[in-house]
PDB file of all heavy atoms in Angstrom:
ATOM      1  N   ILE A   1      -3.972   8.720  -3.031  1.00  0.00           N
ATOM      2  CA  ILE A   1      -4.899   9.820  -3.308  1.00  0.00           C
ATOM      3  C   ILE A   1      -4.106  10.997  -3.887  1.00  0.00           C
ATOM      4  O   ILE A   1      -2.879  10.950  -3.955  1.00  0.00           O
ATOM      5  CB  ILE A   1      -5.657  10.242  -2.023  1.00  0.00           C
ATOM      6  CG1 ILE A   1      -4.660  10.680  -0.928  1.00  0.00           C
ATOM      7  CG2 ILE A   1      -6.528   9.102  -1.497  1.00  0.00           C
ATOM      8  CD1 ILE A   1      -5.327  11.215   0.338  1.00  0.00           C
ATOM      9  N   ASN A   2      -4.821  12.021  -4.321  1.00  0.00           N
ATOM     10  CA  ASN A   2      -4.192  13.235  -4.872  1.00  0.00           C
ATOM     11  C   ASN A   2      -3.277  12.906  -6.050  1.00  0.00           C
ATOM     12  O   ASN A   2      -2.184  13.459  -6.177  1.00  0.00           O
ATOM     13  CB  ASN A   2      -3.404  13.990  -3.796  1.00  0.00           C
ATOM     14  CG  ASN A   2      -4.254  14.367  -2.595  1.00  0.00           C
ATOM     15  OD1 ASN A   2      -5.453  14.594  -2.738  1.00  0.00           O
ATOM     16  ND2 ASN A   2      -3.654  14.413  -1.426  1.00  0.00           N
ATOM     17  N   LEU A   3      -3.720  12.015  -6.915  1.00  0.00           N
ATOM     18  CA  LEU A   3      -2.898  11.555  -8.036  1.00  0.00           C
ATOM     19  C   LEU A   3      -2.719  12.664  -9.070  1.00  0.00           C
ATOM     20  O   LEU A   3      -3.677  13.292  -9.503  1.00  0.00           O
ATOM     21  CB  LEU A   3      -3.566  10.345  -8.682  1.00  0.00           C
ATOM     22  CG  LEU A   3      -2.829   9.622  -9.800  1.00  0.00           C
ATOM     23  CD1 LEU A   3      -1.495   9.076  -9.300  1.00  0.00           C
ATOM     24  CD2 LEU A   3      -3.696   8.483 -10.339  1.00  0.00           C
ATOM     25  N   CYS A   4      -1.450  12.885  -9.464  1.00  0.00           N
ATOM     26  CA  CYS A   4      -1.118  13.925 -10.439  1.00  0.00           C
ATOM     27  C   CYS A   4      -0.015  13.407 -11.360  1.00  0.00           C
ATOM     28  O   CYS A   4       0.993  12.878 -10.889  1.00  0.00           O
ATOM     29  CB  CYS A   4      -0.670  15.202  -9.737  1.00  0.00           C
ATOM     30  SG  CYS A   4      -0.169  16.532 -10.859  1.00  0.00           S
ATOM     31  N   TYR A   5      -0.217  13.556 -12.668  1.00  0.00           N
ATOM     32  CA  TYR A   5       0.764  13.141 -13.670  1.00  0.00           C
ATOM     33  C   TYR A   5       1.451  14.377 -14.257  1.00  0.00           C
ATOM     34  O   TYR A   5       0.819  15.426 -14.420  1.00  0.00           O
ATOM     35  CB  TYR A   5       0.082  12.386 -14.811  1.00  0.00           C
ATOM     36  CG  TYR A   5      -0.599  11.107 -14.416  1.00  0.00           C
ATOM     37  CD1 TYR A   5      -1.990  10.990 -14.413  1.00  0.00           C
ATOM     38  CD2 TYR A   5       0.145   9.985 -14.057  1.00  0.00           C
ATOM     39  CE1 TYR A   5      -2.610   9.805 -14.076  1.00  0.00           C
ATOM     40  CE2 TYR A   5      -0.465   8.795 -13.713  1.00  0.00           C
ATOM     41  CZ  TYR A   5      -1.853   8.707 -13.726  1.00  0.00           C
ATOM     42  OH  TYR A   5      -2.458   7.534 -13.390  1.00  0.00           O
ATOM     43  N   GLN A   6       2.720  14.220 -14.607  1.00  0.00           N
ATOM     44  CA  GLN A   6       3.437  15.315 -15.261  1.00  0.00           C
ATOM     45  C   GLN A   6       4.358  14.762 -16.339  1.00  0.00           C
ATOM     46  O   GLN A   6       5.076  13.786 -16.137  1.00  0.00           O
ATOM     47  CB  GLN A   6       4.256  16.119 -14.251  1.00  0.00           C
ATOM     48  CG  GLN A   6       4.967  17.313 -14.875  1.00  0.00           C
ATOM     49  CD  GLN A   6       5.497  18.281 -13.842  1.00  0.00           C
ATOM     50  OE1 GLN A   6       4.880  18.501 -12.809  1.00  0.00           O
ATOM     51  NE2 GLN A   6       6.649  18.856 -14.111  1.00  0.00           N
ATOM     52  N   GLN A   7       4.311  15.394 -17.503  1.00  0.00           N
ATOM     53  CA  GLN A   7       5.229  15.088 -18.591  1.00  0.00           C
ATOM     54  C   GLN A   7       5.711  16.424 -19.144  1.00  0.00           C
ATOM     55  O   GLN A   7       4.925  17.199 -19.684  1.00  0.00           O
ATOM     56  CB  GLN A   7       4.567  14.258 -19.683  1.00  0.00           C
ATOM     57  CG  GLN A   7       5.551  13.736 -20.729  1.00  0.00           C
ATOM     58  CD  GLN A   7       4.868  12.916 -21.807  1.00  0.00           C
ATOM     59  OE1 GLN A   7       4.154  13.477 -22.642  1.00  0.00           O
ATOM     60  NE2 GLN A   7       5.081  11.604 -21.805  1.00  0.00           N
ATOM     61  N   GLY A   8       6.992  16.701 -18.951  1.00  0.00           N
ATOM     62  CA  GLY A   8       7.510  18.017 -19.317  1.00  0.00           C
ATOM     63  C   GLY A   8       6.862  19.081 -18.458  1.00  0.00           C
ATOM     64  O   GLY A   8       6.871  19.004 -17.232  1.00  0.00           O
ATOM     65  N   THR A   9       6.233  20.068 -19.085  1.00  0.00           N
ATOM     66  CA  THR A   9       5.556  21.148 -18.348  1.00  0.00           C
ATOM     67  C   THR A   9       4.062  20.905 -18.220  1.00  0.00           C
ATOM     68  O   THR A   9       3.356  21.703 -17.604  1.00  0.00           O
ATOM     69  CB  THR A   9       5.791  22.494 -19.053  1.00  0.00           C
ATOM     70  OG1 THR A   9       5.276  22.414 -20.398  1.00  0.00           O
ATOM     71  CG2 THR A   9       7.276  22.836 -19.100  1.00  0.00           C
ATOM     72  N   GLN A  10       3.575  19.803 -18.784  1.00  0.00           N
ATOM     73  CA  GLN A  10       2.139  19.518 -18.740  1.00  0.00           C
ATOM     74  C   GLN A  10       1.788  18.692 -17.515  1.00  0.00           C
ATOM     75  O   GLN A  10       2.529  17.793 -17.131  1.00  0.00           O
ATOM     76  CB  GLN A  10       1.714  18.755 -19.996  1.00  0.00           C
ATOM     77  CG  GLN A  10       1.898  19.503 -21.296  1.00  0.00           C
ATOM     78  CD  GLN A  10       1.356  18.687 -22.455  1.00  0.00           C
ATOM     79  OE1 GLN A  10       0.137  18.563 -22.646  1.00  0.00           O
ATOM     80  NE2 GLN A  10       2.256  18.096 -23.226  1.00  0.00           N
ATOM     81  N   GLN A  11       0.639  18.998 -16.924  1.00  0.00           N
ATOM     82  CA  GLN A  11       0.155  18.254 -15.771  1.00  0.00           C
ATOM     83  C   GLN A  11      -1.293  17.832 -15.971  1.00  0.00           C
ATOM     84  O   GLN A  11      -2.081  18.548 -16.588  1.00  0.00           O
ATOM     85  CB  GLN A  11       0.244  19.093 -14.490  1.00  0.00           C
ATOM     86  CG  GLN A  11       1.572  19.041 -13.789  1.00  0.00           C
ATOM     87  CD  GLN A  11       1.492  19.582 -12.369  1.00  0.00           C
ATOM     88  OE1 GLN A  11       0.487  20.134 -11.950  1.00  0.00           O
ATOM     89  NE2 GLN A  11       2.570  19.408 -11.618  1.00  0.00           N
ATOM     90  N   LYS A  12      -1.627  16.662 -15.449  1.00  0.00           N
ATOM     91  CA  LYS A  12      -3.001  16.165 -15.446  1.00  0.00           C
ATOM     92  C   LYS A  12      -3.300  15.613 -14.063  1.00  0.00           C
ATOM     93  O   LYS A  12      -2.516  14.813 -13.531  1.00  0.00           O
ATOM     94  CB  LYS A  12      -3.186  15.050 -16.485  1.00  0.00           C
ATOM     95  CG  LYS A  12      -2.894  15.460 -17.919  1.00  0.00           C
ATOM     96  CD  LYS A  12      -4.047  16.225 -18.532  1.00  0.00           C
ATOM     97  CE  LYS A  12      -3.778  16.484 -20.016  1.00  0.00           C
ATOM     98  NZ  LYS A  12      -4.900  17.188 -20.670  1.00  0.00           N
ATOM     99  N   LYS A  13      -4.420  16.000 -13.485  1.00  0.00           N
ATOM    100  CA  LYS A  13      -4.802  15.514 -12.167  1.00  0.00           C
ATOM    101  C   LYS A  13      -5.941  14.505 -12.275  1.00  0.00           C
ATOM    102  O   LYS A  13      -6.810  14.617 -13.136  1.00  0.00           O
ATOM    103  CB  LYS A  13      -5.218  16.674 -11.268  1.00  0.00           C
ATOM    104  CG  LYS A  13      -4.065  17.598 -10.900  1.00  0.00           C
ATOM    105  CD  LYS A  13      -4.496  18.644  -9.895  1.00  0.00           C
ATOM    106  CE  LYS A  13      -3.317  19.522  -9.487  1.00  0.00           C
ATOM    107  NZ  LYS A  13      -3.715  20.545  -8.490  1.00  0.00           N
ATOM    108  N   MET A  14      -5.897  13.520 -11.395  1.00  0.00           N
ATOM    109  CA  MET A  14      -6.969  12.535 -11.305  1.00  0.00           C
ATOM    110  C   MET A  14      -7.295  12.317  -9.829  1.00  0.00           C
ATOM    111  O   MET A  14      -7.358  11.193  -9.331  1.00  0.00           O
ATOM    112  CB  MET A  14      -6.537  11.228 -11.975  1.00  0.00           C
ATOM    113  CG  MET A  14      -7.704  10.443 -12.547  1.00  0.00           C
ATOM    114  SD  MET A  14      -7.176   9.029 -13.552  1.00  0.00           S
ATOM    115  CE  MET A  14      -6.737   7.887 -12.262  1.00  0.00           C
ATOM    116  N   ASP A  15      -7.474  13.436  -9.123  1.00  0.00           N
ATOM    117  CA  ASP A  15      -7.587  13.378  -7.665  1.00  0.00           C
ATOM    118  C   ASP A  15      -8.995  13.064  -7.172  1.00  0.00           C
ATOM    119  O   ASP A  15      -9.246  13.078  -5.965  1.00  0.00           O
ATOM    120  CB  ASP A  15      -7.072  14.680  -7.044  1.00  0.00           C
ATOM    121  CG  ASP A  15      -7.717  15.917  -7.646  1.00  0.00           C
ATOM    122  OD1 ASP A  15      -8.637  15.771  -8.488  1.00  0.00           O
ATOM    123  OD2 ASP A  15      -7.291  17.034  -7.286  1.00  0.00           O
ATOM    124  N   HIS A  16      -9.927  12.766  -8.071  1.00  0.00           N
ATOM    125  CA  HIS A  16     -11.274  12.380  -7.638  1.00  0.00           C
ATOM    126  C   HIS A  16     -11.392  10.867  -7.465  1.00  0.00           C
ATOM    127  O   HIS A  16     -12.458  10.364  -7.135  1.00  0.00           O
ATOM    128  CB  HIS A  16     -12.331  12.880  -8.631  1.00  0.00           C
ATOM    129  CG  HIS A  16     -12.050  12.531 -10.063  1.00  0.00           C
ATOM    130  ND1 HIS A  16     -10.941  13.009 -10.729  1.00  0.00           N
ATOM    131  CD2 HIS A  16     -12.729  11.759 -10.944  1.00  0.00           C
ATOM    132  CE1 HIS A  16     -10.960  12.538 -11.970  1.00  0.00           C
ATOM    133  NE2 HIS A  16     -12.012  11.774 -12.119  1.00  0.00           N
ATOM    134  N   TRP A  17     -10.278  10.135  -7.693  1.00  0.00           N
ATOM    135  CA  TRP A  17     -10.258   8.693  -7.517  1.00  0.00           C
ATOM    136  C   TRP A  17      -9.204   8.290  -6.487  1.00  0.00           C
ATOM    137  O   TRP A  17      -8.189   8.962  -6.339  1.00  0.00           O
ATOM    138  CB  TRP A  17      -9.943   7.981  -8.838  1.00  0.00           C
ATOM    139  CG  TRP A  17     -11.028   8.127  -9.860  1.00  0.00           C
ATOM    140  CD1 TRP A  17     -11.054   8.997 -10.914  1.00  0.00           C
ATOM    141  CD2 TRP A  17     -12.266   7.417  -9.911  1.00  0.00           C
ATOM    142  NE1 TRP A  17     -12.216   8.861 -11.615  1.00  0.00           N
ATOM    143  CE2 TRP A  17     -12.979   7.895 -11.030  1.00  0.00           C
ATOM    144  CE3 TRP A  17     -12.825   6.414  -9.124  1.00  0.00           C
ATOM    145  CZ2 TRP A  17     -14.238   7.409 -11.378  1.00  0.00           C
ATOM    146  CZ3 TRP A  17     -14.084   5.928  -9.470  1.00  0.00           C
ATOM    147  CH2 TRP A  17     -14.772   6.426 -10.586  1.00  0.00           C
ATOM    148  N   CYS A  18      -9.462   7.189  -5.819  1.00  0.00           N
ATOM    149  CA  CYS A  18      -8.500   6.573  -4.904  1.00  0.00           C
ATOM    150  C   CYS A  18      -8.093   5.228  -5.495  1.00  0.00           C
ATOM    151  O   CYS A  18      -8.946   4.488  -5.987  1.00  0.00           O
ATOM    152  CB  CYS A  18      -9.119   6.345  -3.522  1.00  0.00           C
ATOM    153  SG  CYS A  18      -9.804   7.828  -2.757  1.00  0.00           S
ATOM    154  N   ILE A  19      -6.802   4.941  -5.436  1.00  0.00           N
ATOM    155  CA  ILE A  19      -6.304   3.660  -5.935  1.00  0.00           C
ATOM    156  C   ILE A  19      -5.751   2.870  -4.762  1.00  0.00           C
ATOM    157  O   ILE A  19      -4.756   3.265  -4.155  1.00  0.00           O
ATOM    158  CB  ILE A  19      -5.232   3.836  -7.020  1.00  0.00           C
ATOM    159  CG1 ILE A  19      -5.827   4.530  -8.244  1.00  0.00           C
ATOM    160  CG2 ILE A  19      -4.667   2.492  -7.461  1.00  0.00           C
ATOM    161  CD1 ILE A  19      -5.361   5.913  -8.459  1.00  0.00           C
ATOM    162  N   ALA A  20      -6.409   1.780  -4.424  1.00  0.00           N
ATOM    163  CA  ALA A  20      -5.974   0.931  -3.318  1.00  0.00           C
ATOM    164  C   ALA A  20      -5.307  -0.314  -3.880  1.00  0.00           C
ATOM    165  O   ALA A  20      -5.682  -0.810  -4.949  1.00  0.00           O
ATOM    166  CB  ALA A  20      -7.160   0.542  -2.440  1.00  0.00           C
ATOM    167  N   GLU A  21      -4.303  -0.801  -3.159  1.00  0.00           N
ATOM    168  CA  GLU A  21      -3.596  -2.000  -3.597  1.00  0.00           C
ATOM    169  C   GLU A  21      -3.340  -2.895  -2.386  1.00  0.00           C
ATOM    170  O   GLU A  21      -2.762  -2.451  -1.390  1.00  0.00           O
ATOM    171  CB  GLU A  21      -2.283  -1.639  -4.272  1.00  0.00           C
ATOM    172  CG  GLU A  21      -1.560  -2.811  -4.888  1.00  0.00           C
ATOM    173  CD  GLU A  21      -0.396  -2.381  -5.776  1.00  0.00           C
ATOM    174  OE1 GLU A  21      -0.202  -1.166  -5.972  1.00  0.00           O
ATOM    175  OE2 GLU A  21       0.320  -3.273  -6.264  1.00  0.00           O
ATOM    176  N   LEU A  22      -3.800  -4.124  -2.494  1.00  0.00           N
ATOM    177  CA  LEU A  22      -3.596  -5.124  -1.451  1.00  0.00           C
ATOM    178  C   LEU A  22      -2.422  -5.995  -1.855  1.00  0.00           C
ATOM    179  O   LEU A  22      -2.390  -6.531  -2.962  1.00  0.00           O
ATOM    180  CB  LEU A  22      -4.857  -5.965  -1.282  1.00  0.00           C
ATOM    181  CG  LEU A  22      -4.820  -7.083  -0.251  1.00  0.00           C
ATOM    182  CD1 LEU A  22      -4.623  -6.524   1.156  1.00  0.00           C
ATOM    183  CD2 LEU A  22      -6.107  -7.906  -0.323  1.00  0.00           C
ATOM    184  N   LYS A  23      -1.446  -6.148  -0.966  1.00  0.00           N
ATOM    185  CA  LYS A  23      -0.219  -6.894  -1.258  1.00  0.00           C
ATOM    186  C   LYS A  23      -0.161  -8.092  -0.315  1.00  0.00           C
ATOM    187  O   LYS A  23      -0.106  -7.916   0.906  1.00  0.00           O
ATOM    188  CB  LYS A  23       1.002  -5.988  -1.069  1.00  0.00           C
ATOM    189  CG  LYS A  23       0.884  -4.637  -1.801  1.00  0.00           C
ATOM    190  CD  LYS A  23       1.931  -3.644  -1.305  1.00  0.00           C
ATOM    191  CE  LYS A  23       1.595  -2.218  -1.667  1.00  0.00           C
ATOM    192  NZ  LYS A  23       1.697  -1.902  -3.075  1.00  0.00           N
ATOM    193  N   GLN A  24      -0.158  -9.300  -0.904  1.00  0.00           N
ATOM    194  CA  GLN A  24      -0.206 -10.527  -0.116  1.00  0.00           C
ATOM    195  C   GLN A  24       0.843 -11.515  -0.601  1.00  0.00           C
ATOM    196  O   GLN A  24       1.183 -11.543  -1.788  1.00  0.00           O
ATOM    197  CB  GLN A  24      -1.590 -11.182  -0.232  1.00  0.00           C
ATOM    198  CG  GLN A  24      -2.745 -10.308   0.225  1.00  0.00           C
ATOM    199  CD  GLN A  24      -4.087 -10.972  -0.059  1.00  0.00           C
ATOM    200  OE1 GLN A  24      -4.438 -11.209  -1.205  1.00  0.00           O
ATOM    201  NE2 GLN A  24      -4.826 -11.279   0.997  1.00  0.00           N
ATOM    202  N   GLY A  25       1.328 -12.350   0.305  1.00  0.00           N
ATOM    203  CA  GLY A  25       2.241 -13.411  -0.086  1.00  0.00           C
ATOM    204  C   GLY A  25       1.556 -14.412  -0.993  1.00  0.00           C
ATOM    205  O   GLY A  25       2.095 -14.838  -2.009  1.00  0.00           O
ATOM    206  N   THR A  26       0.338 -14.796  -0.635  1.00  0.00           N
ATOM    207  CA  THR A  26      -0.535 -15.618  -1.474  1.00  0.00           C
ATOM    208  C   THR A  26      -1.937 -15.021  -1.389  1.00  0.00           C
ATOM    209  O   THR A  26      -2.323 -14.470  -0.353  1.00  0.00           O
ATOM    210  CB  THR A  26      -0.576 -17.086  -0.998  1.00  0.00           C
ATOM    211  OG1 THR A  26      -0.956 -17.125   0.390  1.00  0.00           O
ATOM    212  CG2 THR A  26       0.774 -17.746  -1.162  1.00  0.00           C
ATOM    213  N   ALA A  27      -2.686 -15.119  -2.478  1.00  0.00           N
ATOM    214  CA  ALA A  27      -4.020 -14.518  -2.519  1.00  0.00           C
ATOM    215  C   ALA A  27      -4.921 -15.130  -1.449  1.00  0.00           C
ATOM    216  O   ALA A  27      -5.023 -16.347  -1.327  1.00  0.00           O
ATOM    217  CB  ALA A  27      -4.623 -14.708  -3.894  1.00  0.00           C
ATOM    218  N   ASP A  28      -5.561 -14.264  -0.670  1.00  0.00           N
ATOM    219  CA  ASP A  28      -6.445 -14.708   0.400  1.00  0.00           C
ATOM    220  C   ASP A  28      -7.730 -13.894   0.330  1.00  0.00           C
ATOM    221  O   ASP A  28      -7.746 -12.709   0.645  1.00  0.00           O
ATOM    222  CB  ASP A  28      -5.768 -14.527   1.761  1.00  0.00           C
ATOM    223  CG  ASP A  28      -6.646 -14.968   2.923  1.00  0.00           C
ATOM    224  OD1 ASP A  28      -7.725 -15.540   2.667  1.00  0.00           O
ATOM    225  OD2 ASP A  28      -6.260 -14.733   4.084  1.00  0.00           O
ATOM    226  N   ARG A  29      -8.802 -14.552  -0.077  1.00  0.00           N
ATOM    227  CA  ARG A  29     -10.081 -13.860  -0.237  1.00  0.00           C
ATOM    228  C   ARG A  29     -10.718 -13.502   1.099  1.00  0.00           C
ATOM    229  O   ARG A  29     -11.692 -12.749   1.149  1.00  0.00           O
ATOM    230  CB  ARG A  29     -11.045 -14.747  -1.041  1.00  0.00           C
ATOM    231  CG  ARG A  29     -10.609 -14.932  -2.489  1.00  0.00           C
ATOM    232  CD  ARG A  29     -10.769 -13.654  -3.268  1.00  0.00           C
ATOM    233  NE  ARG A  29     -10.129 -13.719  -4.585  1.00  0.00           N
ATOM    234  CZ  ARG A  29     -10.102 -12.716  -5.453  1.00  0.00           C
ATOM    235  NH1 ARG A  29     -10.674 -11.575  -5.130  1.00  0.00           N
ATOM    236  NH2 ARG A  29      -9.494 -12.850  -6.599  1.00  0.00           N
ATOM    237  N   ASN A  30     -10.189 -14.056   2.193  1.00  0.00           N
ATOM    238  CA  ASN A  30     -10.716 -13.724   3.516  1.00  0.00           C
ATOM    239  C   ASN A  30     -10.069 -12.483   4.115  1.00  0.00           C
ATOM    240  O   ASN A  30     -10.364 -12.114   5.246  1.00  0.00           O
ATOM    241  CB  ASN A  30     -10.526 -14.910   4.462  1.00  0.00           C
ATOM    242  CG  ASN A  30     -11.373 -16.108   4.056  1.00  0.00           C
ATOM    243  OD1 ASN A  30     -12.539 -15.953   3.698  1.00  0.00           O
ATOM    244  ND2 ASN A  30     -10.785 -17.295   4.088  1.00  0.00           N
ATOM    245  N   SER A  31      -9.189 -11.851   3.370  1.00  0.00           N
ATOM    246  CA  SER A  31      -8.557 -10.617   3.816  1.00  0.00           C
ATOM    247  C   SER A  31      -9.619  -9.582   4.198  1.00  0.00           C
ATOM    248  O   SER A  31     -10.651  -9.462   3.523  1.00  0.00           O
ATOM    249  CB  SER A  31      -7.689 -10.062   2.682  1.00  0.00           C
ATOM    250  OG  SER A  31      -7.501  -8.669   2.818  1.00  0.00           O
ATOM    251  N   PRO A  32      -9.404  -8.828   5.285  1.00  0.00           N
ATOM    252  CA  PRO A  32     -10.372  -7.790   5.656  1.00  0.00           C
ATOM    253  C   PRO A  32     -10.647  -6.800   4.526  1.00  0.00           C
ATOM    254  O   PRO A  32     -11.797  -6.377   4.339  1.00  0.00           O
ATOM    255  CB  PRO A  32      -9.701  -7.092   6.851  1.00  0.00           C
ATOM    256  CG  PRO A  32      -8.828  -8.143   7.445  1.00  0.00           C
ATOM    257  CD  PRO A  32      -8.319  -8.940   6.286  1.00  0.00           C
ATOM    258  N   MET A  33      -9.618  -6.434   3.752  1.00  0.00           N
ATOM    259  CA  MET A  33      -9.855  -5.512   2.643  1.00  0.00           C
ATOM    260  C   MET A  33     -10.689  -6.169   1.550  1.00  0.00           C
ATOM    261  O   MET A  33     -11.567  -5.526   0.958  1.00  0.00           O
ATOM    262  CB  MET A  33      -8.538  -4.997   2.061  1.00  0.00           C
ATOM    263  CG  MET A  33      -8.739  -4.072   0.870  1.00  0.00           C
ATOM    264  SD  MET A  33      -7.250  -3.227   0.306  1.00  0.00           S
ATOM    265  CE  MET A  33      -7.222  -1.828   1.415  1.00  0.00           C
ATOM    266  N   MET A  34     -10.435  -7.443   1.265  1.00  0.00           N
ATOM    267  CA  MET A  34     -11.240  -8.165   0.286  1.00  0.00           C
ATOM    268  C   MET A  34     -12.703  -8.211   0.730  1.00  0.00           C
ATOM    269  O   MET A  34     -13.623  -7.979  -0.070  1.00  0.00           O
ATOM    270  CB  MET A  34     -10.706  -9.587   0.111  1.00  0.00           C
ATOM    271  CG  MET A  34      -9.404  -9.696  -0.650  1.00  0.00           C
ATOM    272  SD  MET A  34      -9.660  -9.484  -2.423  1.00  0.00           S
ATOM    273  CE  MET A  34      -8.123 -10.209  -3.035  1.00  0.00           C
ATOM    274  N   GLN A  35     -12.906  -8.514   1.990  1.00  0.00           N
ATOM    275  CA  GLN A  35     -14.259  -8.601   2.506  1.00  0.00           C
ATOM    276  C   GLN A  35     -14.958  -7.243   2.475  1.00  0.00           C
ATOM    277  O   GLN A  35     -16.152  -7.143   2.164  1.00  0.00           O
ATOM    278  CB  GLN A  35     -14.240  -9.156   3.936  1.00  0.00           C
ATOM    279  CG  GLN A  35     -13.792 -10.607   4.032  1.00  0.00           C
ATOM    280  CD  GLN A  35     -14.703 -11.551   3.268  1.00  0.00           C
ATOM    281  OE1 GLN A  35     -15.923 -11.521   3.418  1.00  0.00           O
ATOM    282  NE2 GLN A  35     -14.100 -12.382   2.417  1.00  0.00           N
ATOM    283  N   LEU A  36     -14.212  -6.184   2.776  1.00  0.00           N
ATOM    284  CA  LEU A  36     -14.796  -4.844   2.740  1.00  0.00           C
ATOM    285  C   LEU A  36     -15.187  -4.458   1.315  1.00  0.00           C
ATOM    286  O   LEU A  36     -16.254  -3.883   1.093  1.00  0.00           O
ATOM    287  CB  LEU A  36     -13.806  -3.821   3.311  1.00  0.00           C
ATOM    288  CG  LEU A  36     -14.238  -2.354   3.198  1.00  0.00           C
ATOM    289  CD1 LEU A  36     -15.540  -2.113   3.953  1.00  0.00           C
ATOM    290  CD2 LEU A  36     -13.144  -1.432   3.708  1.00  0.00           C
ATOM    291  N   SER A  37     -14.312  -4.763   0.359  1.00  0.00           N
ATOM    292  CA  SER A  37     -14.623  -4.406  -1.026  1.00  0.00           C
ATOM    293  C   SER A  37     -15.903  -5.103  -1.491  1.00  0.00           C
ATOM    294  O   SER A  37     -16.722  -4.511  -2.211  1.00  0.00           O
ATOM    295  CB  SER A  37     -13.448  -4.778  -1.937  1.00  0.00           C
ATOM    296  OG  SER A  37     -13.297  -6.185  -2.039  1.00  0.00           O
ATOM    297  N   LYS A  38     -16.073  -6.346  -1.077  1.00  0.00           N
ATOM    298  CA  LYS A  38     -17.288  -7.083  -1.418  1.00  0.00           C
ATOM    299  C   LYS A  38     -18.507  -6.453  -0.744  1.00  0.00           C
ATOM    300  O   LYS A  38     -19.577  -6.310  -1.358  1.00  0.00           O
ATOM    301  CB  LYS A  38     -17.131  -8.541  -1.000  1.00  0.00           C
ATOM    302  CG  LYS A  38     -18.292  -9.435  -1.377  1.00  0.00           C
ATOM    303  CD  LYS A  38     -18.008 -10.882  -0.974  1.00  0.00           C
ATOM    304  CE  LYS A  38     -19.182 -11.794  -1.345  1.00  0.00           C
ATOM    305  NZ  LYS A  38     -18.912 -13.211  -0.946  1.00  0.00           N
ATOM    306  N   LYS A  39     -18.335  -6.033   0.489  1.00  0.00           N
ATOM    307  CA  LYS A  39     -19.442  -5.470   1.273  1.00  0.00           C
ATOM    308  C   LYS A  39     -19.972  -4.180   0.672  1.00  0.00           C
ATOM    309  O   LYS A  39     -21.192  -3.967   0.616  1.00  0.00           O
ATOM    310  CB  LYS A  39     -18.963  -5.231   2.714  1.00  0.00           C
ATOM    311  CG  LYS A  39     -19.968  -4.510   3.607  1.00  0.00           C
ATOM    312  CD  LYS A  39     -19.372  -4.271   4.985  1.00  0.00           C
ATOM    313  CE  LYS A  39     -20.294  -3.439   5.860  1.00  0.00           C
ATOM    314  NZ  LYS A  39     -19.691  -3.180   7.200  1.00  0.00           N
ATOM    315  N   ILE A  40     -19.074  -3.312   0.219  1.00  0.00           N
ATOM    316  CA  ILE A  40     -19.524  -2.002  -0.274  1.00  0.00           C
ATOM    317  C   ILE A  40     -19.514  -1.899  -1.801  1.00  0.00           C
ATOM    318  O   ILE A  40     -19.739  -0.834  -2.358  1.00  0.00           O
ATOM    319  CB  ILE A  40     -18.697  -0.854   0.344  1.00  0.00           C
ATOM    320  CG1 ILE A  40     -17.227  -0.946  -0.070  1.00  0.00           C
ATOM    321  CG2 ILE A  40     -18.841  -0.854   1.854  1.00  0.00           C
ATOM    322  CD1 ILE A  40     -16.391   0.187   0.525  1.00  0.00           C
ATOM    323  N   GLY A  41     -19.260  -3.037  -2.464  1.00  0.00           N
ATOM    324  CA  GLY A  41     -19.412  -3.071  -3.904  1.00  0.00           C
ATOM    325  C   GLY A  41     -18.282  -2.479  -4.703  1.00  0.00           C
ATOM    326  O   GLY A  41     -18.494  -1.943  -5.798  1.00  0.00           O
TER     327      GLY A  41
END
């Protein structure tokens, strides 16, 4: 959350979005996060 980019003196914010990342040894669609994403679209 609170994502902010900077190049030189310029800044751009993208803090109205959340970026989630699920990290797995092998892809598992039964993961609680996978199931939640399906549930709430």
